[in-house]
Protein backbone atom coordinates (compact mmCIF):
# COMPACT_ATOMS: atom_id res chain seq x y z
CA UNK A 1 22.07 -43.03 8.79
CA UNK A 2 18.89 -45.23 8.13
CA UNK A 3 19.86 -48.23 5.96
CA UNK A 4 16.68 -48.17 4.07
CA UNK A 5 17.32 -44.84 2.36
CA UNK A 6 19.66 -44.54 -0.75
CA UNK A 7 22.82 -42.67 0.24
CA UNK A 8 25.40 -41.43 -2.25
CA UNK A 9 28.26 -41.44 0.31
CA UNK A 10 29.03 -37.70 0.61
CA UNK A 11 28.92 -36.24 4.05
CA UNK A 12 28.89 -32.82 2.56
CA UNK A 13 25.74 -33.64 0.62
CA UNK A 14 23.92 -34.65 3.89
CA UNK A 15 23.84 -31.00 4.72
CA UNK A 16 22.12 -29.92 1.40
CA UNK A 17 18.53 -29.79 0.67
CA UNK A 18 16.56 -29.23 -2.37
CA UNK A 19 13.23 -27.98 -3.16
CA UNK A 20 11.12 -30.20 -5.37
CA UNK A 21 8.50 -29.42 -7.94
CA UNK A 22 5.75 -30.99 -5.74
CA UNK A 23 6.47 -28.60 -2.90
CA UNK A 24 8.53 -31.00 -0.81
CA UNK A 25 12.03 -30.67 0.27
CA UNK A 26 14.49 -33.56 -0.21
CA UNK A 27 17.95 -34.23 1.08
CA UNK A 28 20.60 -34.16 -1.70
CA UNK A 29 22.58 -37.24 -0.42
CA UNK A 30 19.25 -39.15 0.39
CA UNK A 31 16.60 -38.08 -2.03
CA UNK A 32 14.05 -40.20 -0.45
CA UNK A 33 14.50 -38.36 2.78
CA UNK A 34 12.02 -35.54 2.79
CA UNK A 35 10.66 -32.98 5.18
CA UNK A 36 7.46 -31.05 5.37
CA UNK A 37 5.95 -28.42 7.38
CA UNK A 38 2.45 -29.67 6.85
CA UNK A 39 0.59 -32.94 5.97
CA UNK A 40 -1.55 -30.84 3.60
CA UNK A 41 -0.07 -29.90 0.32
CA UNK A 42 -2.36 -26.91 -0.22
CA UNK A 43 -1.25 -24.78 2.73
CA UNK A 44 -1.92 -20.97 2.62
CA UNK A 45 -0.70 -18.27 4.78
CA UNK A 46 -4.08 -16.47 5.09
CA UNK A 47 -5.61 -15.17 8.33
CA UNK A 48 -9.24 -14.58 9.27
CA UNK A 49 -7.99 -11.64 11.46
CA UNK A 50 -8.23 -8.16 9.87
CA UNK A 51 -7.23 -4.47 10.85
CA UNK A 52 -9.50 -1.73 10.93
CA UNK A 53 -7.25 0.54 9.02
CA UNK A 54 -7.37 3.59 6.73
CA UNK A 55 -4.79 3.00 4.06
CA UNK A 56 -4.89 6.75 3.00
CA UNK A 57 -3.68 7.90 6.43
CA UNK A 58 -1.91 4.62 7.53
CA UNK A 59 -3.78 4.65 10.84
CA UNK A 60 -5.45 1.76 12.43
CA UNK A 61 -7.87 1.31 15.41
CA UNK A 62 -6.07 -0.75 18.08
CA UNK A 63 -5.60 -1.31 21.77
CA UNK A 64 -2.79 0.02 23.79
CA UNK A 65 -2.98 -1.86 27.15
CA UNK A 66 -0.95 -4.93 27.93
CA UNK A 67 -3.90 -6.32 29.90
CA UNK A 68 -7.51 -6.38 28.89
CA UNK A 69 -10.22 -4.65 31.03
CA UNK A 70 -13.89 -3.78 30.57
CA UNK A 71 -14.66 -0.61 28.79
CA UNK A 72 -11.03 -0.02 27.66
CA UNK A 73 -11.06 2.61 24.93
CA UNK A 74 -9.86 1.79 21.46
CA UNK A 75 -7.27 4.25 20.00
CA UNK A 76 -5.87 5.47 16.60
CA UNK A 77 -2.41 4.04 16.13
CA UNK A 78 0.15 4.24 13.23
CA UNK A 79 -0.55 1.14 11.20
CA UNK A 80 1.81 -1.59 12.14
CA UNK A 81 1.33 -4.62 9.78
CA UNK A 82 0.85 -7.75 11.75
CA UNK A 83 0.44 -6.15 15.07
CA UNK A 84 -1.84 -8.23 17.22
CA UNK A 85 -2.94 -5.00 19.01
CA UNK A 86 -4.63 -3.96 15.73
CA UNK A 87 -6.22 -7.41 14.72
CA UNK A 88 -9.83 -8.18 15.02
CA UNK A 89 -12.08 -11.04 13.88
CA UNK A 90 -15.65 -10.87 13.04
CA UNK A 91 -17.82 -13.67 14.59
CA UNK A 92 -20.87 -14.04 12.54
CA UNK A 93 -22.76 -16.37 14.93
CA UNK A 94 -23.20 -13.45 17.37
CA UNK A 95 -22.25 -10.33 15.13
CA UNK A 96 -19.33 -9.32 17.33
CA UNK A 97 -16.04 -7.86 16.42
CA UNK A 98 -13.52 -9.32 18.73
CA UNK A 99 -9.85 -8.24 19.42
CA UNK A 100 -7.08 -10.81 18.90
CA UNK A 101 -5.32 -9.55 21.98
CA UNK A 102 -8.55 -9.63 24.14
CA UNK A 103 -10.60 -12.48 22.87
CA UNK A 104 -13.26 -12.15 25.40
CA UNK A 105 -13.96 -8.58 24.54
CA UNK A 106 -15.98 -7.21 21.68
CA UNK A 107 -15.96 -3.71 20.08
CA UNK A 108 -18.74 -1.79 21.77
CA UNK A 109 -20.50 1.57 21.39
CA UNK A 110 -19.96 3.06 25.03
CA UNK A 111 -23.16 2.76 27.02
CA UNK A 112 -25.03 1.98 23.90
CA UNK A 113 -25.41 5.88 23.52
CA UNK A 114 -25.87 6.36 19.77
CA UNK A 115 -25.19 10.05 20.11
CA UNK A 116 -21.84 9.52 21.79
CA UNK A 117 -18.96 11.54 20.40
CA UNK A 118 -16.38 9.34 22.17
CA UNK A 119 -14.51 6.46 20.71
CA UNK A 120 -15.34 2.77 20.67
CA UNK A 121 -14.50 0.54 23.63
CA UNK A 122 -13.91 -3.13 24.18
CA UNK A 123 -16.27 -4.74 26.49
CA UNK A 124 -16.94 -8.30 27.92
CA UNK A 125 -20.38 -7.67 29.19
CA UNK A 126 -23.29 -9.31 27.57
CA UNK A 127 -25.90 -6.67 27.02
CA UNK A 128 -29.66 -7.04 26.47
CA UNK A 129 -29.20 -4.82 23.40
CA UNK A 130 -27.10 -4.67 20.27
CA UNK A 131 -24.40 -2.21 21.39
CA UNK A 132 -21.62 -4.66 20.74
CA UNK A 133 -23.29 -6.16 17.48
CA UNK A 134 -22.12 -5.27 13.87
CA UNK A 135 -22.74 -6.29 10.39
CA UNK A 136 -21.05 -5.78 7.07
CA UNK A 137 -23.17 -4.12 4.39
CA UNK A 138 -23.03 -4.68 0.67
CA UNK A 139 -20.20 -2.20 0.44
CA UNK A 140 -18.14 -3.82 3.18
CA UNK A 141 -18.83 -1.02 5.62
CA UNK A 142 -19.30 -2.14 9.21
CA UNK A 143 -22.55 -0.96 10.55
CA UNK A 144 -23.87 -0.97 14.18
CA UNK A 145 -26.90 -3.09 14.84
CA UNK A 146 -27.65 -0.85 17.88
CA UNK A 147 -27.41 2.55 16.17
CA UNK A 148 -29.05 3.00 12.66
CA UNK A 149 -26.67 4.57 10.21
CA UNK A 150 -23.63 4.34 12.53
CA UNK A 151 -20.51 2.86 10.98
CA UNK A 152 -16.97 2.07 12.19
CA UNK A 153 -14.88 4.53 10.37
CA UNK A 154 -11.27 5.79 10.92
CA UNK A 155 -12.76 8.21 13.54
CA UNK A 156 -14.54 5.46 15.50
CA UNK A 157 -18.32 5.04 15.48
CA UNK A 158 -19.75 7.80 13.37
CA UNK A 159 -22.81 8.60 11.26
CA UNK A 160 -23.02 7.15 7.79
């Protein structure tokens, strides 16, 4: 036991901890002995990743493969909160939506074909067009920059 900390003499109290009003955790036997999970006092549990989900149907767009490959098809899945297979991030610098599980792959309209009825893919190719570029409009709809009036919906890329 460090000699510079006040100690009340109870071995039993060394195993007890108390939560302080300042957010710290202190040992009951040695109140000056504190632990912390972060140097920052204002820690939040927020994430910049999001799910492409439909709360009405409890379905989400996700990946099924354990390994990433070019032109892999995104699929509809039962919503699984926190599933890394259903997490994406929007990168404003290049207007891409990237998968958490496949960080080098962006959501792409297959072959850049705006009339496609197929689903969305993940691709790691750098195209000379906007097939893997998206923007959020004023209503938080995700709009394709390649295909005018095409949005990501619960059915994949579709018309507005």
